[in-house]
Every structure is written in C-alpha cells, then in structure tokens.
Amino acid sequence: MKISVFFVFLLGLFSCGEIDCNTVKQGFYPDEYNIIVEESNINEVWIKIRGSVPITEKKSSIMVHNNWMVDFNEVEEGDTIVKKRGDLMLAIHKKDTIIRHDWYCKGKPYR
C-alpha cells in the first residue's frame, strides 16, 4: 500500500512541469465565437457565456478558461463576444466601444 501511494505521489510530482505556451495556445486557435450575450458568468478561471449568434439567431454558449483576463463586470447583456479562428485576441463589442484582450500565458500577453 505504501509503495503504491508513494508511486502515485512521484507520478503527480513529475507531471507538474513547466507549461509550454506554444502547446497550450494550440487548443485556443481553432475556437471561434460570435455571441450576443444574454447571460454571463466570468471569474478568474472561467468565461461562461450564453446567448445567440447574430446571423442565425440560434442559441449558443461558450465555456473556456479565462486566459484573456476578462473582468467579471466587463461583459453585459447585449454585448457581443468575438474571437476569430486562428487568432488569440478576444474582443468585447459594446454599443460604443470595442474592448480587445490579448491571450495570456504565464502571466504575460502572448501572440
């Protein structure tokens, strides 16, 4: 029993290496969002948005890690969240303003 617990501990310890931003960003490149916000729940870890796609008016939702450091009070009902496929920038389109967020890795903007 002690050997298996020790083995699991070592496995967990060695799996926690330095993250590679180039590898992590590959998971975000294919994503594409264009959603008019009806409901949002944003914190330091997650961006959760429910709304509709402007062109089709079909309901849609996203739930992604908050690598853009979007603040919880930055997104309101009626805003449009836009992220283009192959790009890491996230844009919040408001009535009179566009707020652009760079994607962050290891606490620094990454492109």
Protein backbone atom coordinates (compact mmCIF):
# COMPACT_ATOMS: atom_id res chain seq x y z
CA MET A 1 0.00 0.00 0.00
CA LYS A 2 2.76 2.43 0.97
CA ILE A 3 4.61 1.74 -2.28
CA SER A 4 1.56 2.48 -4.45
CA VAL A 5 0.83 5.75 -2.59
CA PHE A 6 4.48 6.77 -2.95
CA PHE A 7 4.38 5.90 -6.68
CA VAL A 8 1.23 8.00 -7.21
CA PHE A 9 2.89 10.88 -5.33
CA LEU A 10 6.01 10.70 -7.56
CA LEU A 11 3.91 10.47 -10.70
CA GLY A 12 1.96 13.59 -9.70
CA LEU A 13 5.15 15.44 -8.80
CA PHE A 14 6.85 14.78 -12.12
CA SER A 15 3.77 15.54 -14.21
CA CYS A 16 3.73 19.14 -12.93
CA GLY A 17 6.36 20.54 -15.27
CA GLU A 18 6.70 23.97 -16.82
CA ILE A 19 3.86 24.75 -19.23
CA ASP A 20 4.71 25.42 -22.86
CA CYS A 21 2.71 28.39 -24.19
CA ASN A 22 3.09 27.24 -27.80
CA THR A 23 1.45 23.94 -26.94
CA VAL A 24 -1.32 25.45 -24.83
CA LYS A 25 -2.26 28.08 -27.43
CA GLN A 26 -2.95 25.35 -30.00
CA GLY A 27 -6.07 24.50 -28.02
CA PHE A 28 -7.38 28.06 -28.39
CA TYR A 29 -6.58 28.70 -32.09
CA PRO A 30 -9.46 26.69 -33.60
CA ASP A 31 -12.08 28.31 -31.35
CA GLU A 32 -14.40 30.87 -32.90
CA TYR A 33 -17.03 32.87 -31.02
CA ASN A 34 -19.58 35.40 -32.17
CA ILE A 35 -22.25 35.54 -29.49
CA ILE A 36 -24.62 38.27 -28.35
CA VAL A 37 -24.56 37.96 -24.57
CA GLU A 38 -27.77 37.09 -22.77
CA GLU A 39 -26.15 35.69 -19.64
CA SER A 40 -22.54 35.71 -18.43
CA ASN A 41 -20.63 34.21 -15.55
CA ILE A 42 -16.97 35.25 -15.53
CA ASN A 43 -14.33 34.72 -12.87
CA GLU A 44 -10.53 34.41 -12.72
CA VAL A 45 -10.66 30.89 -14.15
CA TRP A 46 -13.69 30.60 -16.46
CA ILE A 47 -15.60 32.59 -19.06
CA LYS A 48 -19.14 31.22 -19.37
CA ILE A 49 -21.42 32.98 -21.85
CA ARG A 50 -24.89 32.08 -23.08
CA GLY A 51 -26.54 33.96 -25.89
CA SER A 52 -27.33 33.88 -29.58
CA VAL A 53 -25.37 34.02 -32.83
CA PRO A 54 -26.14 37.33 -34.61
CA ILE A 55 -26.57 35.94 -38.14
CA THR A 56 -28.56 32.78 -37.39
CA GLU A 57 -30.15 33.89 -34.09
CA LYS A 58 -29.58 30.34 -32.82
CA LYS A 59 -28.79 29.87 -29.13
CA SER A 60 -25.16 29.20 -28.32
CA SER A 61 -22.84 29.06 -25.33
CA ILE A 62 -19.16 29.01 -24.54
CA MET A 63 -17.18 27.88 -21.52
CA VAL A 64 -13.44 28.47 -21.77
CA HIS A 65 -10.53 29.19 -19.47
CA ASN A 66 -10.14 32.91 -18.85
CA ASN A 67 -6.69 33.25 -20.43
CA TRP A 68 -7.70 36.76 -21.59
CA MET A 69 -8.08 38.08 -18.03
CA VAL A 70 -11.57 39.40 -18.74
CA ASP A 71 -13.01 41.03 -15.62
CA PHE A 72 -16.36 39.76 -14.31
CA ASN A 73 -18.06 43.17 -14.66
CA GLU A 74 -16.72 43.88 -18.16
CA VAL A 75 -19.36 41.90 -20.06
CA GLU A 76 -23.02 42.96 -20.01
CA GLU A 77 -26.20 41.71 -21.59
CA GLY A 78 -26.33 42.88 -25.22
CA ASP A 79 -22.53 42.90 -25.73
CA THR A 80 -21.09 40.71 -28.46
CA ILE A 81 -18.15 38.39 -27.76
CA VAL A 82 -15.96 37.83 -30.83
CA LYS A 83 -12.96 35.56 -31.28
CA LYS A 84 -11.82 34.60 -34.75
CA ARG A 85 -10.49 31.17 -35.64
CA GLY A 86 -6.69 31.20 -35.86
CA ASP A 87 -6.37 34.33 -33.69
CA LEU A 88 -5.80 34.57 -29.95
CA MET A 89 -7.39 38.01 -29.43
CA LEU A 90 -10.83 38.21 -27.79
CA ALA A 91 -13.00 41.27 -28.43
CA ILE A 92 -15.99 42.54 -26.47
CA HIS A 93 -18.17 44.71 -28.72
CA LYS A 94 -20.22 47.16 -26.69
CA LYS A 95 -22.66 49.77 -28.03
CA ASP A 96 -19.98 52.44 -28.44
CA THR A 97 -16.70 50.67 -27.65
CA ILE A 98 -14.66 47.63 -28.56
CA ILE A 99 -12.51 46.16 -25.79
CA ARG A 100 -9.73 43.88 -27.02
CA HIS A 101 -7.97 41.36 -24.81
CA ASP A 102 -4.69 39.65 -25.56
CA TRP A 103 -4.37 35.99 -24.63
CA TYR A 104 -2.16 35.46 -21.56
CA CYS A 105 0.26 32.68 -20.78
CA LYS A 106 2.50 32.59 -17.71
CA GLY A 107 1.11 36.00 -16.70
CA LYS A 108 2.23 37.79 -19.90
CA PRO A 109 0.41 38.73 -23.12
CA TYR A 110 1.13 36.12 -25.76
CA ARG A 111 0.60 36.31 -29.51
